[in-house]
Amino acid sequence: MLVSGSVTDIAALFLSRTGVVVAYPTETFYGLGAKISDKAAISKILVIKGRKASMGIIVLVADMDMACSIAYIDQNQRELLQKFWPGPLSAILQARKNMHSLLAPGGKVALRISPHETAACLVGAIGPITSTSANLTGKRPARTAQEVVASGLELDGILDGGTTPGEQPSTLIDLTSWPPACVREGAIPFQEILAK
């Protein structure tokens, strides 16, 4: 397993072969990343975590343009998202037709733009990647590269970006109906989102 603090090293690993899954830092915890075009790697994440396929996996994007290439975003949704992105807000949106069913169960996909510089650089280097917490399902998410190693997850690499805040996960909201619905309360209080 490659452990490196270099985005370039980890990006090269992704580009070297298919089926690559790495852990990387975000504004909440360490996440597990696979290229969203890599079906083998997406399936591998579910096995690594012991996670049900029906739950879906959040996708990190670099900007609104990249988000719009993955999901349909109307003006109301865009205005709300621009108030909180980049930030710990994940939004469920109607997926475009080319999305893998494991990322978009029921035709819906959850997207986020991370404010974490390392995560943002990685997405900028290789394109949209998955972002599910680096842990076995039901266990505490990792806050450091060392905790990822200790978790025993079978990964291809770890992008060591130091210690993450690790307090709460991103807030997850459903924007496929209006007003938005709260799916998971997290780092941004849902009432703050509704008030914007």
N, C-alpha and C. Protein backbone atom coordinates (compact mmCIF):
# COMPACT_ATOMS: atom_id res chain seq x y z
N MET A 1 0.84 -1.20 0.00
CA MET A 1 0.00 0.00 0.00
C MET A 1 0.88 1.25 0.00
N LEU A 2 0.58 2.18 -0.90
CA LEU A 2 1.32 3.43 -0.99
C LEU A 2 0.76 4.45 0.01
N VAL A 3 1.60 4.94 0.90
CA VAL A 3 1.22 6.03 1.80
C VAL A 3 2.08 7.23 1.45
N SER A 4 1.43 8.33 1.06
CA SER A 4 2.17 9.49 0.59
C SER A 4 1.42 10.77 0.91
N GLY A 5 2.16 11.82 1.15
CA GLY A 5 1.57 13.14 1.33
C GLY A 5 1.45 13.90 0.02
N SER A 6 1.81 13.25 -1.08
CA SER A 6 1.83 13.90 -2.38
C SER A 6 0.59 13.56 -3.20
N VAL A 7 -0.17 14.59 -3.57
CA VAL A 7 -1.33 14.39 -4.45
C VAL A 7 -0.88 13.80 -5.78
N THR A 8 0.27 14.25 -6.27
CA THR A 8 0.80 13.75 -7.55
C THR A 8 1.02 12.24 -7.50
N ASP A 9 1.60 11.74 -6.40
CA ASP A 9 1.84 10.30 -6.25
C ASP A 9 0.53 9.52 -6.27
N ILE A 10 -0.46 10.01 -5.53
CA ILE A 10 -1.74 9.30 -5.43
C ILE A 10 -2.51 9.39 -6.75
N ALA A 11 -2.44 10.54 -7.41
CA ALA A 11 -3.09 10.68 -8.72
C ALA A 11 -2.49 9.70 -9.72
N ALA A 12 -1.17 9.54 -9.67
CA ALA A 12 -0.50 8.60 -10.56
C ALA A 12 -0.95 7.17 -10.28
N LEU A 13 -1.18 6.85 -9.02
CA LEU A 13 -1.67 5.52 -8.66
C LEU A 13 -3.05 5.27 -9.29
N PHE A 14 -3.93 6.25 -9.19
CA PHE A 14 -5.26 6.14 -9.79
C PHE A 14 -5.16 5.92 -11.30
N LEU A 15 -4.23 6.61 -11.92
CA LEU A 15 -4.12 6.56 -13.38
C LEU A 15 -3.36 5.34 -13.89
N SER A 16 -2.72 4.60 -12.95
CA SER A 16 -1.88 3.48 -13.35
C SER A 16 -2.67 2.22 -13.69
N ARG A 17 -3.85 2.07 -13.09
CA ARG A 17 -4.64 0.85 -13.31
C ARG A 17 -6.07 1.07 -12.82
N THR A 18 -6.93 0.11 -13.10
CA THR A 18 -8.30 0.18 -12.59
C THR A 18 -8.40 -0.50 -11.23
N GLY A 19 -9.51 -0.30 -10.57
CA GLY A 19 -9.76 -0.95 -9.28
C GLY A 19 -9.07 -0.31 -8.10
N VAL A 20 -8.54 0.91 -8.28
CA VAL A 20 -7.79 1.58 -7.20
C VAL A 20 -8.73 2.29 -6.23
N VAL A 21 -8.53 2.02 -4.93
CA VAL A 21 -9.26 2.71 -3.85
C VAL A 21 -8.23 3.28 -2.88
N VAL A 22 -8.34 4.56 -2.58
CA VAL A 22 -7.43 5.20 -1.63
C VAL A 22 -8.22 5.94 -0.55
N ALA A 23 -7.56 6.16 0.57
CA ALA A 23 -8.11 7.03 1.62
C ALA A 23 -7.47 8.40 1.48
N TYR A 24 -8.25 9.44 1.72
CA TYR A 24 -7.73 10.80 1.60
C TYR A 24 -8.47 11.70 2.60
N PRO A 25 -7.85 12.82 3.00
CA PRO A 25 -8.46 13.69 4.01
C PRO A 25 -9.53 14.60 3.42
N THR A 26 -10.56 14.87 4.22
CA THR A 26 -11.59 15.85 3.85
C THR A 26 -11.79 16.81 5.02
N GLU A 27 -12.77 17.69 4.88
CA GLU A 27 -13.06 18.66 5.94
C GLU A 27 -13.75 18.02 7.14
N THR A 28 -14.09 16.74 7.04
CA THR A 28 -14.73 16.03 8.17
C THR A 28 -13.82 14.90 8.65
N PHE A 29 -13.80 13.78 7.92
CA PHE A 29 -12.95 12.63 8.24
C PHE A 29 -12.15 12.25 6.99
N TYR A 30 -11.38 11.16 7.10
CA TYR A 30 -10.77 10.59 5.90
C TYR A 30 -11.87 9.87 5.11
N GLY A 31 -11.81 9.99 3.79
CA GLY A 31 -12.78 9.35 2.93
C GLY A 31 -12.12 8.28 2.07
N LEU A 32 -12.95 7.40 1.50
CA LEU A 32 -12.46 6.39 0.56
C LEU A 32 -12.79 6.85 -0.84
N GLY A 33 -11.76 6.93 -1.66
CA GLY A 33 -11.94 7.47 -3.00
C GLY A 33 -11.70 6.45 -4.09
N ALA A 34 -12.62 6.42 -5.05
CA ALA A 34 -12.47 5.67 -6.29
C ALA A 34 -12.95 6.60 -7.40
N LYS A 35 -12.35 6.47 -8.58
CA LYS A 35 -12.86 7.24 -9.72
C LYS A 35 -14.27 6.78 -10.02
N ILE A 36 -15.17 7.71 -10.30
CA ILE A 36 -16.59 7.31 -10.47
C ILE A 36 -16.83 6.56 -11.78
N SER A 37 -15.84 6.57 -12.66
CA SER A 37 -15.95 5.80 -13.91
C SER A 37 -15.42 4.37 -13.75
N ASP A 38 -14.86 4.06 -12.58
CA ASP A 38 -14.21 2.77 -12.33
C ASP A 38 -15.16 1.84 -11.56
N LYS A 39 -15.91 1.02 -12.30
CA LYS A 39 -16.92 0.16 -11.67
C LYS A 39 -16.30 -0.84 -10.70
N ALA A 40 -15.13 -1.37 -11.05
CA ALA A 40 -14.47 -2.35 -10.18
C ALA A 40 -14.10 -1.72 -8.84
N ALA A 41 -13.60 -0.49 -8.87
CA ALA A 41 -13.20 0.19 -7.64
C ALA A 41 -14.41 0.55 -6.78
N ILE A 42 -15.50 0.95 -7.40
CA ILE A 42 -16.72 1.28 -6.65
C ILE A 42 -17.24 0.03 -5.94
N SER A 43 -17.28 -1.08 -6.64
CA SER A 43 -17.72 -2.34 -6.03
C SER A 43 -16.78 -2.75 -4.89
N LYS A 44 -15.49 -2.49 -5.09
CA LYS A 44 -14.48 -2.83 -4.08
C LYS A 44 -14.71 -2.06 -2.78
N ILE A 45 -15.13 -0.80 -2.88
CA ILE A 45 -15.41 0.00 -1.69
C ILE A 45 -16.49 -0.65 -0.84
N LEU A 46 -17.54 -1.14 -1.47
CA LEU A 46 -18.63 -1.78 -0.73
C LEU A 46 -18.13 -3.01 0.02
N VAL A 47 -17.24 -3.77 -0.62
CA VAL A 47 -16.66 -4.96 0.02
C VAL A 47 -15.75 -4.54 1.18
N ILE A 48 -14.90 -3.54 0.94
CA ILE A 48 -13.96 -3.07 1.97
C ILE A 48 -14.71 -2.61 3.22
N LYS A 49 -15.79 -1.87 3.03
CA LYS A 49 -16.53 -1.31 4.16
C LYS A 49 -17.58 -2.26 4.73
N GLY A 50 -17.97 -3.27 3.96
CA GLY A 50 -19.11 -4.09 4.37
C GLY A 50 -20.39 -3.28 4.32
N ARG A 51 -20.54 -2.52 3.23
CA ARG A 51 -21.65 -1.57 3.10
C ARG A 51 -22.67 -2.09 2.09
N LYS A 52 -23.96 -1.82 2.36
CA LYS A 52 -25.03 -2.23 1.46
C LYS A 52 -25.03 -1.36 0.20
N ALA A 53 -25.21 -2.01 -0.96
CA ALA A 53 -25.21 -1.29 -2.23
C ALA A 53 -26.34 -0.27 -2.33
N SER A 54 -27.45 -0.54 -1.63
CA SER A 54 -28.62 0.33 -1.73
C SER A 54 -28.41 1.70 -1.09
N MET A 55 -27.34 1.86 -0.30
CA MET A 55 -27.13 3.12 0.44
C MET A 55 -26.58 4.23 -0.43
N GLY A 56 -25.96 3.90 -1.56
CA GLY A 56 -25.34 4.93 -2.38
C GLY A 56 -24.04 5.42 -1.76
N ILE A 57 -23.27 6.19 -2.52
CA ILE A 57 -21.98 6.72 -2.06
C ILE A 57 -21.89 8.17 -2.52
N ILE A 58 -21.51 9.06 -1.61
CA ILE A 58 -21.34 10.48 -1.96
C ILE A 58 -20.19 10.65 -2.95
N VAL A 59 -20.33 11.61 -3.84
CA VAL A 59 -19.31 11.91 -4.85
C VAL A 59 -18.78 13.33 -4.63
N LEU A 60 -17.46 13.46 -4.59
CA LEU A 60 -16.84 14.79 -4.52
C LEU A 60 -16.59 15.33 -5.91
N VAL A 61 -16.95 16.59 -6.11
CA VAL A 61 -16.70 17.27 -7.38
C VAL A 61 -15.87 18.52 -7.11
N ALA A 62 -15.26 19.06 -8.17
CA ALA A 62 -14.37 20.21 -8.01
C ALA A 62 -15.12 21.54 -8.01
N ASP A 63 -16.22 21.60 -8.78
CA ASP A 63 -16.93 22.87 -8.94
C ASP A 63 -18.34 22.61 -9.45
N MET A 64 -19.10 23.68 -9.63
CA MET A 64 -20.49 23.55 -10.06
C MET A 64 -20.60 22.96 -11.46
N ASP A 65 -19.67 23.29 -12.34
CA ASP A 65 -19.69 22.73 -13.69
C ASP A 65 -19.57 21.21 -13.65
N MET A 66 -18.66 20.70 -12.82
CA MET A 66 -18.48 19.26 -12.69
C MET A 66 -19.74 18.63 -12.08
N ALA A 67 -20.32 19.32 -11.10
CA ALA A 67 -21.57 18.83 -10.49
C ALA A 67 -22.67 18.71 -11.54
N CYS A 68 -22.76 19.69 -12.42
CA CYS A 68 -23.81 19.69 -13.45
C CYS A 68 -23.58 18.63 -14.52
N SER A 69 -22.36 18.13 -14.63
CA SER A 69 -22.10 17.05 -15.58
C SER A 69 -22.55 15.70 -15.02
N ILE A 70 -22.83 15.65 -13.71
CA ILE A 70 -23.21 14.41 -13.04
C ILE A 70 -24.69 14.41 -12.67
N ALA A 71 -25.23 15.59 -12.32
CA ALA A 71 -26.61 15.70 -11.86
C ALA A 71 -27.30 16.90 -12.50
N TYR A 72 -28.62 16.82 -12.53
CA TYR A 72 -29.43 17.96 -12.99
C TYR A 72 -29.59 18.92 -11.82
N ILE A 73 -29.25 20.20 -12.02
CA ILE A 73 -29.32 21.21 -10.96
C ILE A 73 -30.08 22.42 -11.47
N ASP A 74 -31.25 22.68 -10.86
CA ASP A 74 -32.05 23.83 -11.28
C ASP A 74 -31.61 25.09 -10.53
N GLN A 75 -32.25 26.21 -10.83
CA GLN A 75 -31.80 27.48 -10.27
C GLN A 75 -31.95 27.55 -8.76
N ASN A 76 -33.06 27.03 -8.20
CA ASN A 76 -33.24 27.02 -6.74
C ASN A 76 -32.16 26.19 -6.06
N GLN A 77 -31.90 25.02 -6.61
CA GLN A 77 -30.88 24.15 -6.04
C GLN A 77 -29.51 24.80 -6.12
N ARG A 78 -29.21 25.39 -7.27
CA ARG A 78 -27.91 26.03 -7.48
C ARG A 78 -27.70 27.17 -6.47
N GLU A 79 -28.71 28.00 -6.28
CA GLU A 79 -28.58 29.14 -5.36
C GLU A 79 -28.32 28.68 -3.93
N LEU A 80 -29.01 27.62 -3.51
CA LEU A 80 -28.79 27.10 -2.16
C LEU A 80 -27.39 26.52 -2.04
N LEU A 81 -26.99 25.72 -3.00
CA LEU A 81 -25.68 25.06 -2.94
C LEU A 81 -24.54 26.07 -2.95
N GLN A 82 -24.69 27.14 -3.71
CA GLN A 82 -23.62 28.13 -3.80
C GLN A 82 -23.40 28.85 -2.46
N LYS A 83 -24.39 28.79 -1.57
CA LYS A 83 -24.23 29.40 -0.24
C LYS A 83 -23.39 28.53 0.69
N PHE A 84 -23.32 27.23 0.41
CA PHE A 84 -22.65 26.31 1.32
C PHE A 84 -21.46 25.56 0.70
N TRP A 85 -21.31 25.61 -0.60
CA TRP A 85 -20.19 24.95 -1.27
C TRP A 85 -19.09 25.93 -1.58
N PRO A 86 -17.81 25.61 -1.40
CA PRO A 86 -17.32 24.37 -0.80
C PRO A 86 -17.65 24.32 0.69
N GLY A 87 -18.00 23.14 1.18
CA GLY A 87 -18.32 22.98 2.58
C GLY A 87 -18.89 21.61 2.87
N PRO A 88 -19.12 21.32 4.17
CA PRO A 88 -19.57 19.99 4.58
C PRO A 88 -21.07 19.77 4.37
N LEU A 89 -21.54 20.05 3.15
CA LEU A 89 -22.93 19.82 2.77
C LEU A 89 -22.96 18.90 1.56
N SER A 90 -23.58 17.75 1.73
CA SER A 90 -23.79 16.81 0.62
C SER A 90 -25.24 16.88 0.21
N ALA A 91 -25.48 16.97 -1.09
CA ALA A 91 -26.85 17.16 -1.59
C ALA A 91 -27.24 16.05 -2.55
N ILE A 92 -28.40 15.45 -2.29
CA ILE A 92 -28.94 14.43 -3.19
C ILE A 92 -29.68 15.13 -4.32
N LEU A 93 -29.30 14.77 -5.55
CA LEU A 93 -29.85 15.40 -6.75
C LEU A 93 -30.23 14.32 -7.77
N GLN A 94 -30.99 14.72 -8.77
CA GLN A 94 -31.35 13.78 -9.83
C GLN A 94 -30.12 13.52 -10.70
N ALA A 95 -29.72 12.25 -10.80
CA ALA A 95 -28.51 11.90 -11.53
C ALA A 95 -28.74 11.90 -13.03
N ARG A 96 -27.71 12.25 -13.77
CA ARG A 96 -27.76 12.08 -15.22
C ARG A 96 -27.66 10.59 -15.55
N LYS A 97 -28.03 10.24 -16.76
CA LYS A 97 -28.22 8.83 -17.10
C LYS A 97 -26.95 7.97 -17.10
N ASN A 98 -25.78 8.59 -17.19
CA ASN A 98 -24.55 7.79 -17.29
C ASN A 98 -23.98 7.37 -15.94
N MET A 99 -24.67 7.64 -14.84
CA MET A 99 -24.13 7.34 -13.52
C MET A 99 -24.29 5.87 -13.16
N HIS A 100 -23.24 5.30 -12.53
CA HIS A 100 -23.25 3.91 -12.05
C HIS A 100 -24.36 3.75 -11.00
N SER A 101 -25.08 2.65 -11.07
CA SER A 101 -26.22 2.44 -10.16
C SER A 101 -25.80 2.37 -8.69
N LEU A 102 -24.56 1.97 -8.41
CA LEU A 102 -24.10 1.94 -7.02
C LEU A 102 -23.90 3.35 -6.46
N LEU A 103 -23.64 4.32 -7.34
CA LEU A 103 -23.49 5.71 -6.92
C LEU A 103 -24.82 6.45 -6.95
N ALA A 104 -25.73 5.96 -7.76
CA ALA A 104 -27.00 6.66 -7.95
C ALA A 104 -28.18 5.69 -7.84
N PRO A 105 -28.37 5.08 -6.66
CA PRO A 105 -29.52 4.18 -6.50
C PRO A 105 -30.82 4.95 -6.68
N GLY A 106 -31.74 4.38 -7.43
CA GLY A 106 -33.00 5.08 -7.68
C GLY A 106 -32.85 6.30 -8.56
N GLY A 107 -31.71 6.42 -9.25
CA GLY A 107 -31.52 7.56 -10.15
C GLY A 107 -31.14 8.85 -9.45
N LYS A 108 -30.73 8.77 -8.17
CA LYS A 108 -30.34 9.97 -7.42
C LYS A 108 -28.90 9.82 -6.95
N VAL A 109 -28.15 10.94 -6.98
CA VAL A 109 -26.75 10.92 -6.58
C VAL A 109 -26.48 12.05 -5.59
N ALA A 110 -25.62 11.80 -4.60
CA ALA A 110 -25.26 12.81 -3.59
C ALA A 110 -23.91 13.42 -3.95
N LEU A 111 -23.84 14.75 -4.01
CA LEU A 111 -22.63 15.47 -4.41
C LEU A 111 -22.18 16.44 -3.32
N ARG A 112 -20.85 16.71 -3.32
CA ARG A 112 -20.30 17.70 -2.40
C ARG A 112 -19.05 18.32 -3.02
N ILE A 113 -18.78 19.57 -2.71
CA ILE A 113 -17.50 20.20 -3.03
C ILE A 113 -16.77 20.40 -1.72
N SER A 114 -15.62 19.76 -1.57
CA SER A 114 -14.88 19.84 -0.31
C SER A 114 -14.03 21.11 -0.25
N PRO A 115 -14.03 21.79 0.92
CA PRO A 115 -13.13 22.93 1.09
C PRO A 115 -11.73 22.51 1.50
N HIS A 116 -11.52 21.19 1.73
CA HIS A 116 -10.19 20.72 2.15
C HIS A 116 -9.24 20.80 0.97
N GLU A 117 -8.14 21.51 1.13
CA GLU A 117 -7.24 21.79 0.01
C GLU A 117 -6.72 20.50 -0.63
N THR A 118 -6.35 19.51 0.17
CA THR A 118 -5.80 18.26 -0.38
C THR A 118 -6.85 17.50 -1.17
N ALA A 119 -8.06 17.40 -0.61
CA ALA A 119 -9.15 16.71 -1.32
C ALA A 119 -9.47 17.43 -2.62
N ALA A 120 -9.52 18.76 -2.57
CA ALA A 120 -9.83 19.55 -3.76
C ALA A 120 -8.76 19.36 -4.85
N CYS A 121 -7.50 19.29 -4.43
CA CYS A 121 -6.40 19.07 -5.39
C CYS A 121 -6.52 17.70 -6.04
N LEU A 122 -6.89 16.69 -5.26
CA LEU A 122 -7.02 15.34 -5.79
C LEU A 122 -8.14 15.26 -6.83
N VAL A 123 -9.29 15.87 -6.51
CA VAL A 123 -10.41 15.89 -7.45
C VAL A 123 -10.03 16.68 -8.70
N GLY A 124 -9.30 17.77 -8.52
CA GLY A 124 -8.84 18.55 -9.66
C GLY A 124 -7.90 17.76 -10.57
N ALA A 125 -7.13 16.84 -9.96
CA ALA A 125 -6.14 16.07 -10.72
C ALA A 125 -6.75 14.90 -11.48
N ILE A 126 -7.75 14.23 -10.88
CA ILE A 126 -8.25 13.00 -11.51
C ILE A 126 -9.75 13.01 -11.83
N GLY A 127 -10.45 14.08 -11.42
CA GLY A 127 -11.89 14.14 -11.68
C GLY A 127 -12.70 13.69 -10.47
N PRO A 128 -14.01 13.58 -10.61
CA PRO A 128 -14.87 13.26 -9.47
C PRO A 128 -14.54 11.90 -8.87
N ILE A 129 -14.56 11.85 -7.53
CA ILE A 129 -14.27 10.61 -6.81
C ILE A 129 -15.30 10.37 -5.72
N THR A 130 -15.38 9.12 -5.29
CA THR A 130 -16.29 8.79 -4.21
C THR A 130 -15.79 9.38 -2.89
N SER A 131 -16.72 9.53 -1.96
CA SER A 131 -16.35 10.06 -0.65
C SER A 131 -17.24 9.43 0.42
N THR A 132 -16.87 8.23 0.83
CA THR A 132 -17.53 7.58 1.96
C THR A 132 -16.48 7.42 3.05
N SER A 133 -16.87 7.52 4.29
CA SER A 133 -15.90 7.55 5.38
C SER A 133 -15.01 6.31 5.40
N ALA A 134 -13.74 6.51 5.79
CA ALA A 134 -12.74 5.45 5.82
C ALA A 134 -12.88 4.65 7.11
N ASN A 135 -13.73 3.65 7.07
CA ASN A 135 -13.97 2.78 8.23
C ASN A 135 -14.83 1.60 7.80
N LEU A 136 -14.81 0.55 8.60
CA LEU A 136 -15.80 -0.50 8.43
C LEU A 136 -17.15 0.06 8.84
N THR A 137 -18.22 -0.32 8.14
CA THR A 137 -19.55 0.18 8.46
C THR A 137 -19.86 -0.09 9.93
N GLY A 138 -20.29 0.98 10.61
CA GLY A 138 -20.62 0.86 12.03
C GLY A 138 -19.48 1.22 12.97
N LYS A 139 -18.25 1.32 12.43
CA LYS A 139 -17.10 1.71 13.25
C LYS A 139 -16.82 3.20 13.09
N ARG A 140 -16.00 3.74 14.00
CA ARG A 140 -15.71 5.18 13.97
C ARG A 140 -14.85 5.52 12.75
N PRO A 141 -15.21 6.58 12.02
CA PRO A 141 -14.40 7.00 10.86
C PRO A 141 -13.00 7.46 11.28
N ALA A 142 -12.04 7.26 10.41
CA ALA A 142 -10.65 7.63 10.69
C ALA A 142 -10.44 9.14 10.56
N ARG A 143 -9.64 9.69 11.48
CA ARG A 143 -9.30 11.12 11.45
C ARG A 143 -7.88 11.37 10.95
N THR A 144 -7.06 10.32 10.94
CA THR A 144 -5.66 10.46 10.51
C THR A 144 -5.30 9.29 9.60
N ALA A 145 -4.19 9.45 8.88
CA ALA A 145 -3.69 8.35 8.05
C ALA A 145 -3.34 7.14 8.91
N GLN A 146 -2.81 7.40 10.11
CA GLN A 146 -2.45 6.31 11.01
C GLN A 146 -3.68 5.52 11.44
N GLU A 147 -4.79 6.21 11.68
CA GLU A 147 -6.03 5.51 12.03
C GLU A 147 -6.56 4.69 10.85
N VAL A 148 -6.36 5.20 9.63
CA VAL A 148 -6.75 4.42 8.45
C VAL A 148 -5.94 3.12 8.40
N VAL A 149 -4.64 3.23 8.59
CA VAL A 149 -3.77 2.03 8.59
C VAL A 149 -4.24 1.06 9.66
N ALA A 150 -4.51 1.58 10.86
CA ALA A 150 -4.91 0.72 11.99
C ALA A 150 -6.27 0.05 11.76
N SER A 151 -7.10 0.63 10.90
CA SER A 151 -8.43 0.07 10.65
C SER A 151 -8.36 -1.25 9.87
N GLY A 152 -7.22 -1.48 9.20
CA GLY A 152 -7.05 -2.73 8.48
C GLY A 152 -7.79 -2.82 7.16
N LEU A 153 -8.28 -1.69 6.65
CA LEU A 153 -8.98 -1.68 5.36
C LEU A 153 -8.00 -2.04 4.24
N GLU A 154 -8.45 -2.83 3.29
CA GLU A 154 -7.58 -3.27 2.20
C GLU A 154 -7.58 -2.23 1.08
N LEU A 155 -6.67 -1.27 1.20
CA LEU A 155 -6.61 -0.14 0.28
C LEU A 155 -5.37 -0.22 -0.60
N ASP A 156 -5.38 0.55 -1.67
CA ASP A 156 -4.22 0.65 -2.55
C ASP A 156 -3.30 1.79 -2.14
N GLY A 157 -3.85 2.78 -1.45
CA GLY A 157 -3.04 3.91 -1.05
C GLY A 157 -3.73 4.78 -0.02
N ILE A 158 -2.94 5.62 0.63
CA ILE A 158 -3.45 6.63 1.55
C ILE A 158 -2.76 7.95 1.23
N LEU A 159 -3.56 8.99 1.02
CA LEU A 159 -3.03 10.34 0.84
C LEU A 159 -3.01 10.98 2.22
N ASP A 160 -1.83 11.11 2.79
CA ASP A 160 -1.68 11.60 4.16
C ASP A 160 -1.74 13.12 4.17
N GLY A 161 -2.84 13.63 4.68
CA GLY A 161 -3.01 15.07 4.77
C GLY A 161 -3.10 15.56 6.20
N GLY A 162 -2.51 14.80 7.12
CA GLY A 162 -2.54 15.20 8.53
C GLY A 162 -3.85 14.83 9.20
N THR A 163 -4.15 15.51 10.29
CA THR A 163 -5.35 15.21 11.08
C THR A 163 -6.54 16.02 10.56
N THR A 164 -7.66 15.35 10.37
CA THR A 164 -8.90 16.02 9.95
C THR A 164 -9.71 16.43 11.18
N PRO A 165 -10.68 17.36 11.03
CA PRO A 165 -11.46 17.81 12.18
C PRO A 165 -12.18 16.66 12.91
N GLY A 166 -12.79 15.75 12.14
CA GLY A 166 -13.35 14.54 12.71
C GLY A 166 -14.44 14.70 13.73
N GLU A 167 -15.19 15.78 13.68
CA GLU A 167 -16.25 15.95 14.68
C GLU A 167 -17.57 15.38 14.19
N GLN A 168 -18.03 15.86 13.06
CA GLN A 168 -19.31 15.40 12.51
C GLN A 168 -19.15 15.16 11.01
N PRO A 169 -19.96 14.26 10.45
CA PRO A 169 -19.94 14.07 9.00
C PRO A 169 -20.59 15.26 8.30
N SER A 170 -20.54 15.26 6.99
CA SER A 170 -21.25 16.31 6.25
C SER A 170 -22.76 16.16 6.48
N THR A 171 -23.45 17.28 6.46
CA THR A 171 -24.92 17.25 6.49
C THR A 171 -25.40 16.76 5.13
N LEU A 172 -26.34 15.84 5.13
CA LEU A 172 -26.86 15.28 3.88
C LEU A 172 -28.31 15.71 3.71
N ILE A 173 -28.59 16.41 2.61
CA ILE A 173 -29.96 16.87 2.35
C ILE A 173 -30.43 16.33 1.00
N ASP A 174 -31.74 16.21 0.88
CA ASP A 174 -32.35 15.76 -0.38
C ASP A 174 -32.94 16.97 -1.08
N LEU A 175 -32.36 17.30 -2.23
CA LEU A 175 -32.83 18.44 -3.01
C LEU A 175 -33.71 18.02 -4.18
N THR A 176 -34.10 16.74 -4.22
CA THR A 176 -34.96 16.30 -5.33
C THR A 176 -36.41 16.69 -5.10
N SER A 177 -36.71 17.19 -3.90
CA SER A 177 -38.03 17.77 -3.63
C SER A 177 -37.78 19.15 -3.00
N TRP A 178 -38.80 19.98 -3.00
CA TRP A 178 -38.64 21.34 -2.44
C TRP A 178 -39.81 21.64 -1.54
N PRO A 179 -39.61 22.12 -0.30
CA PRO A 179 -38.31 22.47 0.29
C PRO A 179 -37.44 21.25 0.54
N PRO A 180 -36.13 21.47 0.75
CA PRO A 180 -35.21 20.35 0.96
C PRO A 180 -35.57 19.55 2.20
N ALA A 181 -35.20 18.27 2.20
CA ALA A 181 -35.41 17.40 3.35
C ALA A 181 -34.06 17.02 3.94
N CYS A 182 -34.00 16.88 5.26
CA CYS A 182 -32.77 16.48 5.93
C CYS A 182 -32.70 14.96 6.01
N VAL A 183 -31.64 14.40 5.45
CA VAL A 183 -31.43 12.95 5.50
C VAL A 183 -30.49 12.60 6.66
N ARG A 184 -29.47 13.45 6.87
CA ARG A 184 -28.52 13.25 7.97
C ARG A 184 -28.05 14.60 8.48
N GLU A 185 -28.31 14.87 9.74
CA GLU A 185 -27.81 16.10 10.37
C GLU A 185 -26.31 15.95 10.57
N GLY A 186 -25.57 17.00 10.27
CA GLY A 186 -24.11 16.90 10.38
C GLY A 186 -23.49 18.23 10.75
N ALA A 187 -22.38 18.54 10.08
CA ALA A 187 -21.57 19.70 10.45
C ALA A 187 -22.30 21.04 10.27
N ILE A 188 -23.25 21.10 9.33
CA ILE A 188 -24.06 22.31 9.14
C ILE A 188 -25.45 22.02 9.65
N PRO A 189 -25.95 22.76 10.66
CA PRO A 189 -27.31 22.50 11.16
C PRO A 189 -28.34 22.68 10.04
N PHE A 190 -29.29 21.76 9.98
CA PHE A 190 -30.28 21.80 8.91
C PHE A 190 -31.10 23.10 8.97
N GLN A 191 -31.38 23.58 10.15
CA GLN A 191 -32.15 24.82 10.29
C GLN A 191 -31.42 26.00 9.66
N GLU A 192 -30.09 25.96 9.71
CA GLU A 192 -29.28 27.02 9.07
C GLU A 192 -29.44 26.96 7.55
N ILE A 193 -29.54 25.76 7.01
CA ILE A 193 -29.73 25.59 5.57
C ILE A 193 -31.10 26.12 5.16
N LEU A 194 -32.11 25.79 5.91
CA LEU A 194 -33.48 26.24 5.60
C LEU A 194 -33.62 27.75 5.69
N ALA A 195 -32.80 28.35 6.59
CA ALA A 195 -32.91 29.79 6.82
C ALA A 195 -32.27 30.61 5.71
N LYS A 196 -31.44 29.98 4.86
CA LYS A 196 -30.73 30.72 3.81
C LYS A 196 -31.66 31.07 2.65
